[in-house]
Amino acid sequence: MRILQAALLVGMAAGMSLTAGSAMAQAYLTIPAPQIEVGPPPVIPGPPERWVLEPGHWHWDGVRYVWVHRHWVERRPGWVNFHPGHWSNHGGVWHWVPAEWGR
């Protein structure tokens, strides 16, 4: 487990690079590869019609990436479509798109 954690930290550090521009330095962050969660999902906290499983994902906490394990999200009343949060690349820059509900 410690070897895996060390490899993950090295990989995340390698994913961050600093390049100098003409007037200032810019930091480019690369999100780590997704983890593969094995095994059954966590126990559902209530009736299945009230809960949606959100997949695990990386979250930038301002200092480093931390893995958020898959978890159950309670369905909003009157809303049927759940769009899980995900990373999206726009012009070479990654942005986090938060989860949202749709009708």
N, C-alpha and C. Protein backbone atom coordinates (compact mmCIF):
# COMPACT_ATOMS: atom_id res chain seq x y z
N MET A 1 0.83 -1.20 0.00
CA MET A 1 0.00 0.00 0.00
C MET A 1 0.87 1.26 0.00
N ARG A 2 1.97 1.24 0.78
CA ARG A 2 2.85 2.42 0.82
C ARG A 2 3.52 2.64 -0.52
N ILE A 3 3.85 1.55 -1.21
CA ILE A 3 4.46 1.70 -2.54
C ILE A 3 3.47 2.35 -3.48
N LEU A 4 2.20 1.94 -3.41
CA LEU A 4 1.15 2.54 -4.25
C LEU A 4 0.98 4.01 -3.93
N GLN A 5 0.98 4.36 -2.63
CA GLN A 5 0.84 5.77 -2.25
C GLN A 5 2.03 6.58 -2.74
N ALA A 6 3.24 6.03 -2.61
CA ALA A 6 4.44 6.74 -3.07
C ALA A 6 4.40 6.93 -4.58
N ALA A 7 3.98 5.88 -5.30
CA ALA A 7 3.90 5.99 -6.76
C ALA A 7 2.87 7.03 -7.16
N LEU A 8 1.76 7.08 -6.43
CA LEU A 8 0.72 8.06 -6.72
C LEU A 8 1.22 9.47 -6.50
N LEU A 9 1.95 9.69 -5.39
CA LEU A 9 2.48 11.02 -5.12
C LEU A 9 3.51 11.44 -6.16
N VAL A 10 4.37 10.51 -6.57
CA VAL A 10 5.35 10.81 -7.62
C VAL A 10 4.64 11.14 -8.91
N GLY A 11 3.61 10.37 -9.25
CA GLY A 11 2.86 10.62 -10.47
C GLY A 11 2.18 11.97 -10.46
N MET A 12 1.62 12.35 -9.30
CA MET A 12 0.95 13.65 -9.21
C MET A 12 1.98 14.78 -9.31
N ALA A 13 3.14 14.59 -8.68
CA ALA A 13 4.18 15.62 -8.76
C ALA A 13 4.68 15.77 -10.19
N ALA A 14 4.80 14.64 -10.89
CA ALA A 14 5.25 14.69 -12.28
C ALA A 14 4.21 15.34 -13.17
N GLY A 15 2.95 15.27 -12.77
CA GLY A 15 1.87 15.85 -13.56
C GLY A 15 1.83 17.35 -13.49
N MET A 16 2.54 17.94 -12.53
CA MET A 16 2.57 19.39 -12.40
C MET A 16 3.87 19.89 -13.01
N SER A 17 3.77 20.79 -13.95
CA SER A 17 4.98 21.35 -14.55
C SER A 17 4.89 22.87 -14.53
N LEU A 18 6.04 23.49 -14.49
CA LEU A 18 6.11 24.94 -14.47
C LEU A 18 6.87 25.39 -15.71
N THR A 19 6.26 26.24 -16.51
CA THR A 19 6.92 26.72 -17.72
C THR A 19 6.97 28.24 -17.67
N ALA A 20 8.05 28.82 -18.14
CA ALA A 20 8.20 30.28 -18.10
C ALA A 20 7.63 30.88 -19.37
N GLY A 21 6.80 31.89 -19.21
CA GLY A 21 6.27 32.64 -20.34
C GLY A 21 7.13 33.87 -20.56
N SER A 22 6.75 34.72 -21.50
CA SER A 22 7.55 35.91 -21.78
C SER A 22 7.56 36.87 -20.59
N ALA A 23 6.46 37.03 -19.91
CA ALA A 23 6.40 37.99 -18.82
C ALA A 23 6.32 37.33 -17.45
N MET A 24 5.75 36.12 -17.39
CA MET A 24 5.60 35.48 -16.08
C MET A 24 5.54 33.96 -16.25
N ALA A 25 5.65 33.26 -15.14
CA ALA A 25 5.58 31.80 -15.16
C ALA A 25 4.11 31.39 -15.06
N GLN A 26 3.76 30.32 -15.73
CA GLN A 26 2.40 29.79 -15.66
C GLN A 26 2.49 28.35 -15.19
N ALA A 27 1.60 27.95 -14.29
CA ALA A 27 1.57 26.57 -13.82
C ALA A 27 0.48 25.82 -14.57
N TYR A 28 0.83 24.66 -15.09
CA TYR A 28 -0.13 23.81 -15.77
C TYR A 28 -0.31 22.55 -14.95
N LEU A 29 -1.52 22.28 -14.56
CA LEU A 29 -1.80 21.08 -13.78
C LEU A 29 -2.44 20.03 -14.66
N THR A 30 -1.97 18.83 -14.54
CA THR A 30 -2.55 17.71 -15.27
C THR A 30 -3.23 16.81 -14.25
N ILE A 31 -4.49 16.51 -14.47
CA ILE A 31 -5.16 15.65 -13.50
C ILE A 31 -4.63 14.24 -13.61
N PRO A 32 -4.55 13.53 -12.48
CA PRO A 32 -4.07 12.15 -12.51
C PRO A 32 -5.04 11.23 -13.23
N ALA A 33 -4.54 10.08 -13.63
CA ALA A 33 -5.40 9.07 -14.26
C ALA A 33 -6.44 8.60 -13.26
N PRO A 34 -7.64 8.22 -13.74
CA PRO A 34 -8.68 7.77 -12.83
C PRO A 34 -8.27 6.50 -12.10
N GLN A 35 -8.73 6.38 -10.88
CA GLN A 35 -8.54 5.14 -10.14
C GLN A 35 -9.64 4.18 -10.56
N ILE A 36 -9.35 2.92 -10.46
CA ILE A 36 -10.38 1.92 -10.76
C ILE A 36 -10.86 1.37 -9.42
N GLU A 37 -12.12 1.61 -9.12
CA GLU A 37 -12.66 1.11 -7.87
C GLU A 37 -13.23 -0.29 -8.11
N VAL A 38 -12.76 -1.21 -7.32
CA VAL A 38 -13.22 -2.58 -7.46
C VAL A 38 -14.11 -2.93 -6.27
N GLY A 39 -14.89 -3.95 -6.47
CA GLY A 39 -15.77 -4.39 -5.41
C GLY A 39 -17.13 -3.73 -5.50
N PRO A 40 -18.00 -4.13 -4.61
CA PRO A 40 -19.36 -3.60 -4.64
C PRO A 40 -19.38 -2.12 -4.23
N PRO A 41 -20.41 -1.40 -4.66
CA PRO A 41 -20.54 0.00 -4.23
C PRO A 41 -20.86 0.05 -2.75
N PRO A 42 -20.74 1.23 -2.14
CA PRO A 42 -21.11 1.35 -0.73
C PRO A 42 -22.58 1.01 -0.55
N VAL A 43 -22.96 0.65 0.66
CA VAL A 43 -24.34 0.29 0.96
C VAL A 43 -25.23 1.50 0.73
N ILE A 44 -26.31 1.29 0.00
CA ILE A 44 -27.24 2.38 -0.30
C ILE A 44 -27.95 2.79 0.99
N PRO A 45 -28.02 4.09 1.28
CA PRO A 45 -28.57 4.55 2.56
C PRO A 45 -30.10 4.57 2.65
N GLY A 46 -30.80 4.22 1.59
CA GLY A 46 -32.26 4.27 1.64
C GLY A 46 -32.84 3.61 0.41
N PRO A 47 -34.12 3.87 0.13
CA PRO A 47 -34.77 3.26 -1.03
C PRO A 47 -34.06 3.64 -2.33
N PRO A 48 -33.85 2.66 -3.23
CA PRO A 48 -33.10 2.91 -4.48
C PRO A 48 -33.67 4.04 -5.32
N GLU A 49 -34.96 4.27 -5.26
CA GLU A 49 -35.54 5.34 -6.09
C GLU A 49 -35.16 6.73 -5.57
N ARG A 50 -34.57 6.81 -4.38
CA ARG A 50 -34.19 8.11 -3.81
C ARG A 50 -32.71 8.40 -3.91
N TRP A 51 -31.90 7.44 -4.43
CA TRP A 51 -30.46 7.61 -4.39
C TRP A 51 -29.81 7.31 -5.73
N VAL A 52 -28.74 8.04 -6.06
CA VAL A 52 -27.97 7.85 -7.30
C VAL A 52 -26.50 7.70 -6.89
N LEU A 53 -25.81 6.75 -7.51
CA LEU A 53 -24.40 6.53 -7.20
C LEU A 53 -23.52 7.45 -8.04
N GLU A 54 -22.77 8.32 -7.38
CA GLU A 54 -21.84 9.20 -8.10
C GLU A 54 -20.49 8.50 -8.15
N PRO A 55 -19.88 8.40 -9.33
CA PRO A 55 -18.58 7.72 -9.46
C PRO A 55 -17.47 8.45 -8.71
N GLY A 56 -16.42 7.72 -8.39
CA GLY A 56 -15.26 8.33 -7.76
C GLY A 56 -14.57 9.28 -8.73
N HIS A 57 -13.88 10.26 -8.19
CA HIS A 57 -13.19 11.23 -9.04
C HIS A 57 -12.09 11.93 -8.25
N TRP A 58 -11.16 12.55 -8.96
CA TRP A 58 -10.11 13.34 -8.34
C TRP A 58 -10.65 14.74 -8.05
N HIS A 59 -10.24 15.28 -6.91
CA HIS A 59 -10.65 16.62 -6.50
C HIS A 59 -9.39 17.41 -6.12
N TRP A 60 -9.23 18.60 -6.68
CA TRP A 60 -8.11 19.46 -6.32
C TRP A 60 -8.50 20.24 -5.09
N ASP A 61 -7.77 20.07 -3.98
CA ASP A 61 -8.14 20.73 -2.73
C ASP A 61 -7.36 22.03 -2.50
N GLY A 62 -6.69 22.52 -3.55
CA GLY A 62 -5.91 23.74 -3.45
C GLY A 62 -4.44 23.48 -3.22
N VAL A 63 -4.11 22.25 -2.82
CA VAL A 63 -2.72 21.88 -2.58
C VAL A 63 -2.35 20.65 -3.40
N ARG A 64 -3.25 19.69 -3.44
CA ARG A 64 -2.98 18.42 -4.13
C ARG A 64 -4.31 17.80 -4.58
N TYR A 65 -4.20 16.78 -5.40
CA TYR A 65 -5.37 16.02 -5.79
C TYR A 65 -5.66 14.97 -4.73
N VAL A 66 -6.93 14.85 -4.36
CA VAL A 66 -7.35 13.81 -3.42
C VAL A 66 -8.46 13.01 -4.09
N TRP A 67 -8.48 11.73 -3.85
CA TRP A 67 -9.48 10.86 -4.45
C TRP A 67 -10.75 10.89 -3.62
N VAL A 68 -11.87 11.16 -4.27
CA VAL A 68 -13.19 11.11 -3.63
C VAL A 68 -13.83 9.81 -4.11
N HIS A 69 -14.04 8.88 -3.18
CA HIS A 69 -14.60 7.58 -3.55
C HIS A 69 -16.05 7.72 -4.01
N ARG A 70 -16.50 6.76 -4.80
CA ARG A 70 -17.90 6.78 -5.24
C ARG A 70 -18.78 6.79 -3.99
N HIS A 71 -19.89 7.49 -4.14
CA HIS A 71 -20.79 7.65 -2.99
C HIS A 71 -22.21 7.91 -3.48
N TRP A 72 -23.15 7.72 -2.58
CA TRP A 72 -24.56 7.91 -2.92
C TRP A 72 -24.95 9.37 -2.74
N VAL A 73 -25.72 9.87 -3.69
CA VAL A 73 -26.25 11.24 -3.66
C VAL A 73 -27.77 11.13 -3.62
N GLU A 74 -28.39 11.85 -2.69
CA GLU A 74 -29.85 11.79 -2.59
C GLU A 74 -30.49 12.56 -3.75
N ARG A 75 -31.47 11.91 -4.37
CA ARG A 75 -32.17 12.51 -5.51
C ARG A 75 -32.94 13.74 -5.04
N ARG A 76 -32.86 14.79 -5.83
CA ARG A 76 -33.62 16.00 -5.51
C ARG A 76 -35.07 15.80 -5.92
N PRO A 77 -36.00 16.20 -5.09
CA PRO A 77 -37.42 16.03 -5.43
C PRO A 77 -37.78 16.71 -6.75
N GLY A 78 -38.46 15.98 -7.63
CA GLY A 78 -38.90 16.54 -8.90
C GLY A 78 -37.85 16.48 -10.00
N TRP A 79 -36.65 16.05 -9.70
CA TRP A 79 -35.58 15.98 -10.68
C TRP A 79 -35.30 14.51 -10.99
N VAL A 80 -35.08 14.19 -12.25
CA VAL A 80 -34.90 12.79 -12.61
C VAL A 80 -33.52 12.46 -13.16
N ASN A 81 -32.89 13.37 -13.86
CA ASN A 81 -31.60 13.08 -14.50
C ASN A 81 -30.45 13.61 -13.67
N PHE A 82 -29.52 12.72 -13.35
CA PHE A 82 -28.34 13.12 -12.60
C PHE A 82 -27.14 13.04 -13.54
N HIS A 83 -26.40 14.14 -13.63
CA HIS A 83 -25.20 14.20 -14.46
C HIS A 83 -24.01 14.31 -13.49
N PRO A 84 -23.25 13.21 -13.33
CA PRO A 84 -22.14 13.24 -12.36
C PRO A 84 -21.09 14.29 -12.73
N GLY A 85 -20.40 14.78 -11.72
CA GLY A 85 -19.29 15.70 -11.97
C GLY A 85 -18.22 15.00 -12.79
N HIS A 86 -17.49 15.77 -13.57
CA HIS A 86 -16.44 15.19 -14.40
C HIS A 86 -15.43 16.27 -14.80
N TRP A 87 -14.24 15.82 -15.19
CA TRP A 87 -13.21 16.71 -15.69
C TRP A 87 -13.40 16.89 -17.18
N SER A 88 -13.27 18.13 -17.66
CA SER A 88 -13.43 18.44 -19.07
C SER A 88 -12.22 19.27 -19.52
N ASN A 89 -11.69 18.95 -20.70
CA ASN A 89 -10.53 19.66 -21.22
C ASN A 89 -11.00 20.67 -22.27
N HIS A 90 -10.67 21.94 -22.03
CA HIS A 90 -11.00 23.02 -22.98
C HIS A 90 -9.70 23.74 -23.34
N GLY A 91 -9.26 23.55 -24.58
CA GLY A 91 -8.05 24.22 -25.05
C GLY A 91 -6.80 23.83 -24.28
N GLY A 92 -6.73 22.58 -23.82
CA GLY A 92 -5.55 22.12 -23.09
C GLY A 92 -5.59 22.39 -21.60
N VAL A 93 -6.67 23.01 -21.13
CA VAL A 93 -6.81 23.31 -19.70
C VAL A 93 -7.96 22.48 -19.15
N TRP A 94 -7.70 21.77 -18.06
CA TRP A 94 -8.73 20.93 -17.44
C TRP A 94 -9.58 21.74 -16.48
N HIS A 95 -10.88 21.52 -16.52
CA HIS A 95 -11.84 22.18 -15.63
C HIS A 95 -12.74 21.13 -15.01
N TRP A 96 -13.08 21.32 -13.75
CA TRP A 96 -14.02 20.43 -13.09
C TRP A 96 -15.44 20.93 -13.37
N VAL A 97 -16.29 20.04 -13.87
CA VAL A 97 -17.70 20.36 -14.11
C VAL A 97 -18.48 19.68 -12.98
N PRO A 98 -19.06 20.44 -12.06
CA PRO A 98 -19.75 19.83 -10.92
C PRO A 98 -20.96 19.01 -11.35
N ALA A 99 -21.34 18.07 -10.49
CA ALA A 99 -22.54 17.28 -10.73
C ALA A 99 -23.75 18.21 -10.76
N GLU A 100 -24.75 17.81 -11.55
CA GLU A 100 -25.97 18.62 -11.61
C GLU A 100 -27.18 17.73 -11.87
N TRP A 101 -28.32 18.25 -11.55
CA TRP A 101 -29.59 17.55 -11.77
C TRP A 101 -30.33 18.17 -12.92
N GLY A 102 -31.05 17.38 -13.66
CA GLY A 102 -31.88 17.87 -14.78
C GLY A 102 -33.28 17.28 -14.68
N ARG A 103 -34.18 17.89 -15.36
CA ARG A 103 -35.57 17.41 -15.31
C ARG A 103 -35.86 16.48 -16.45
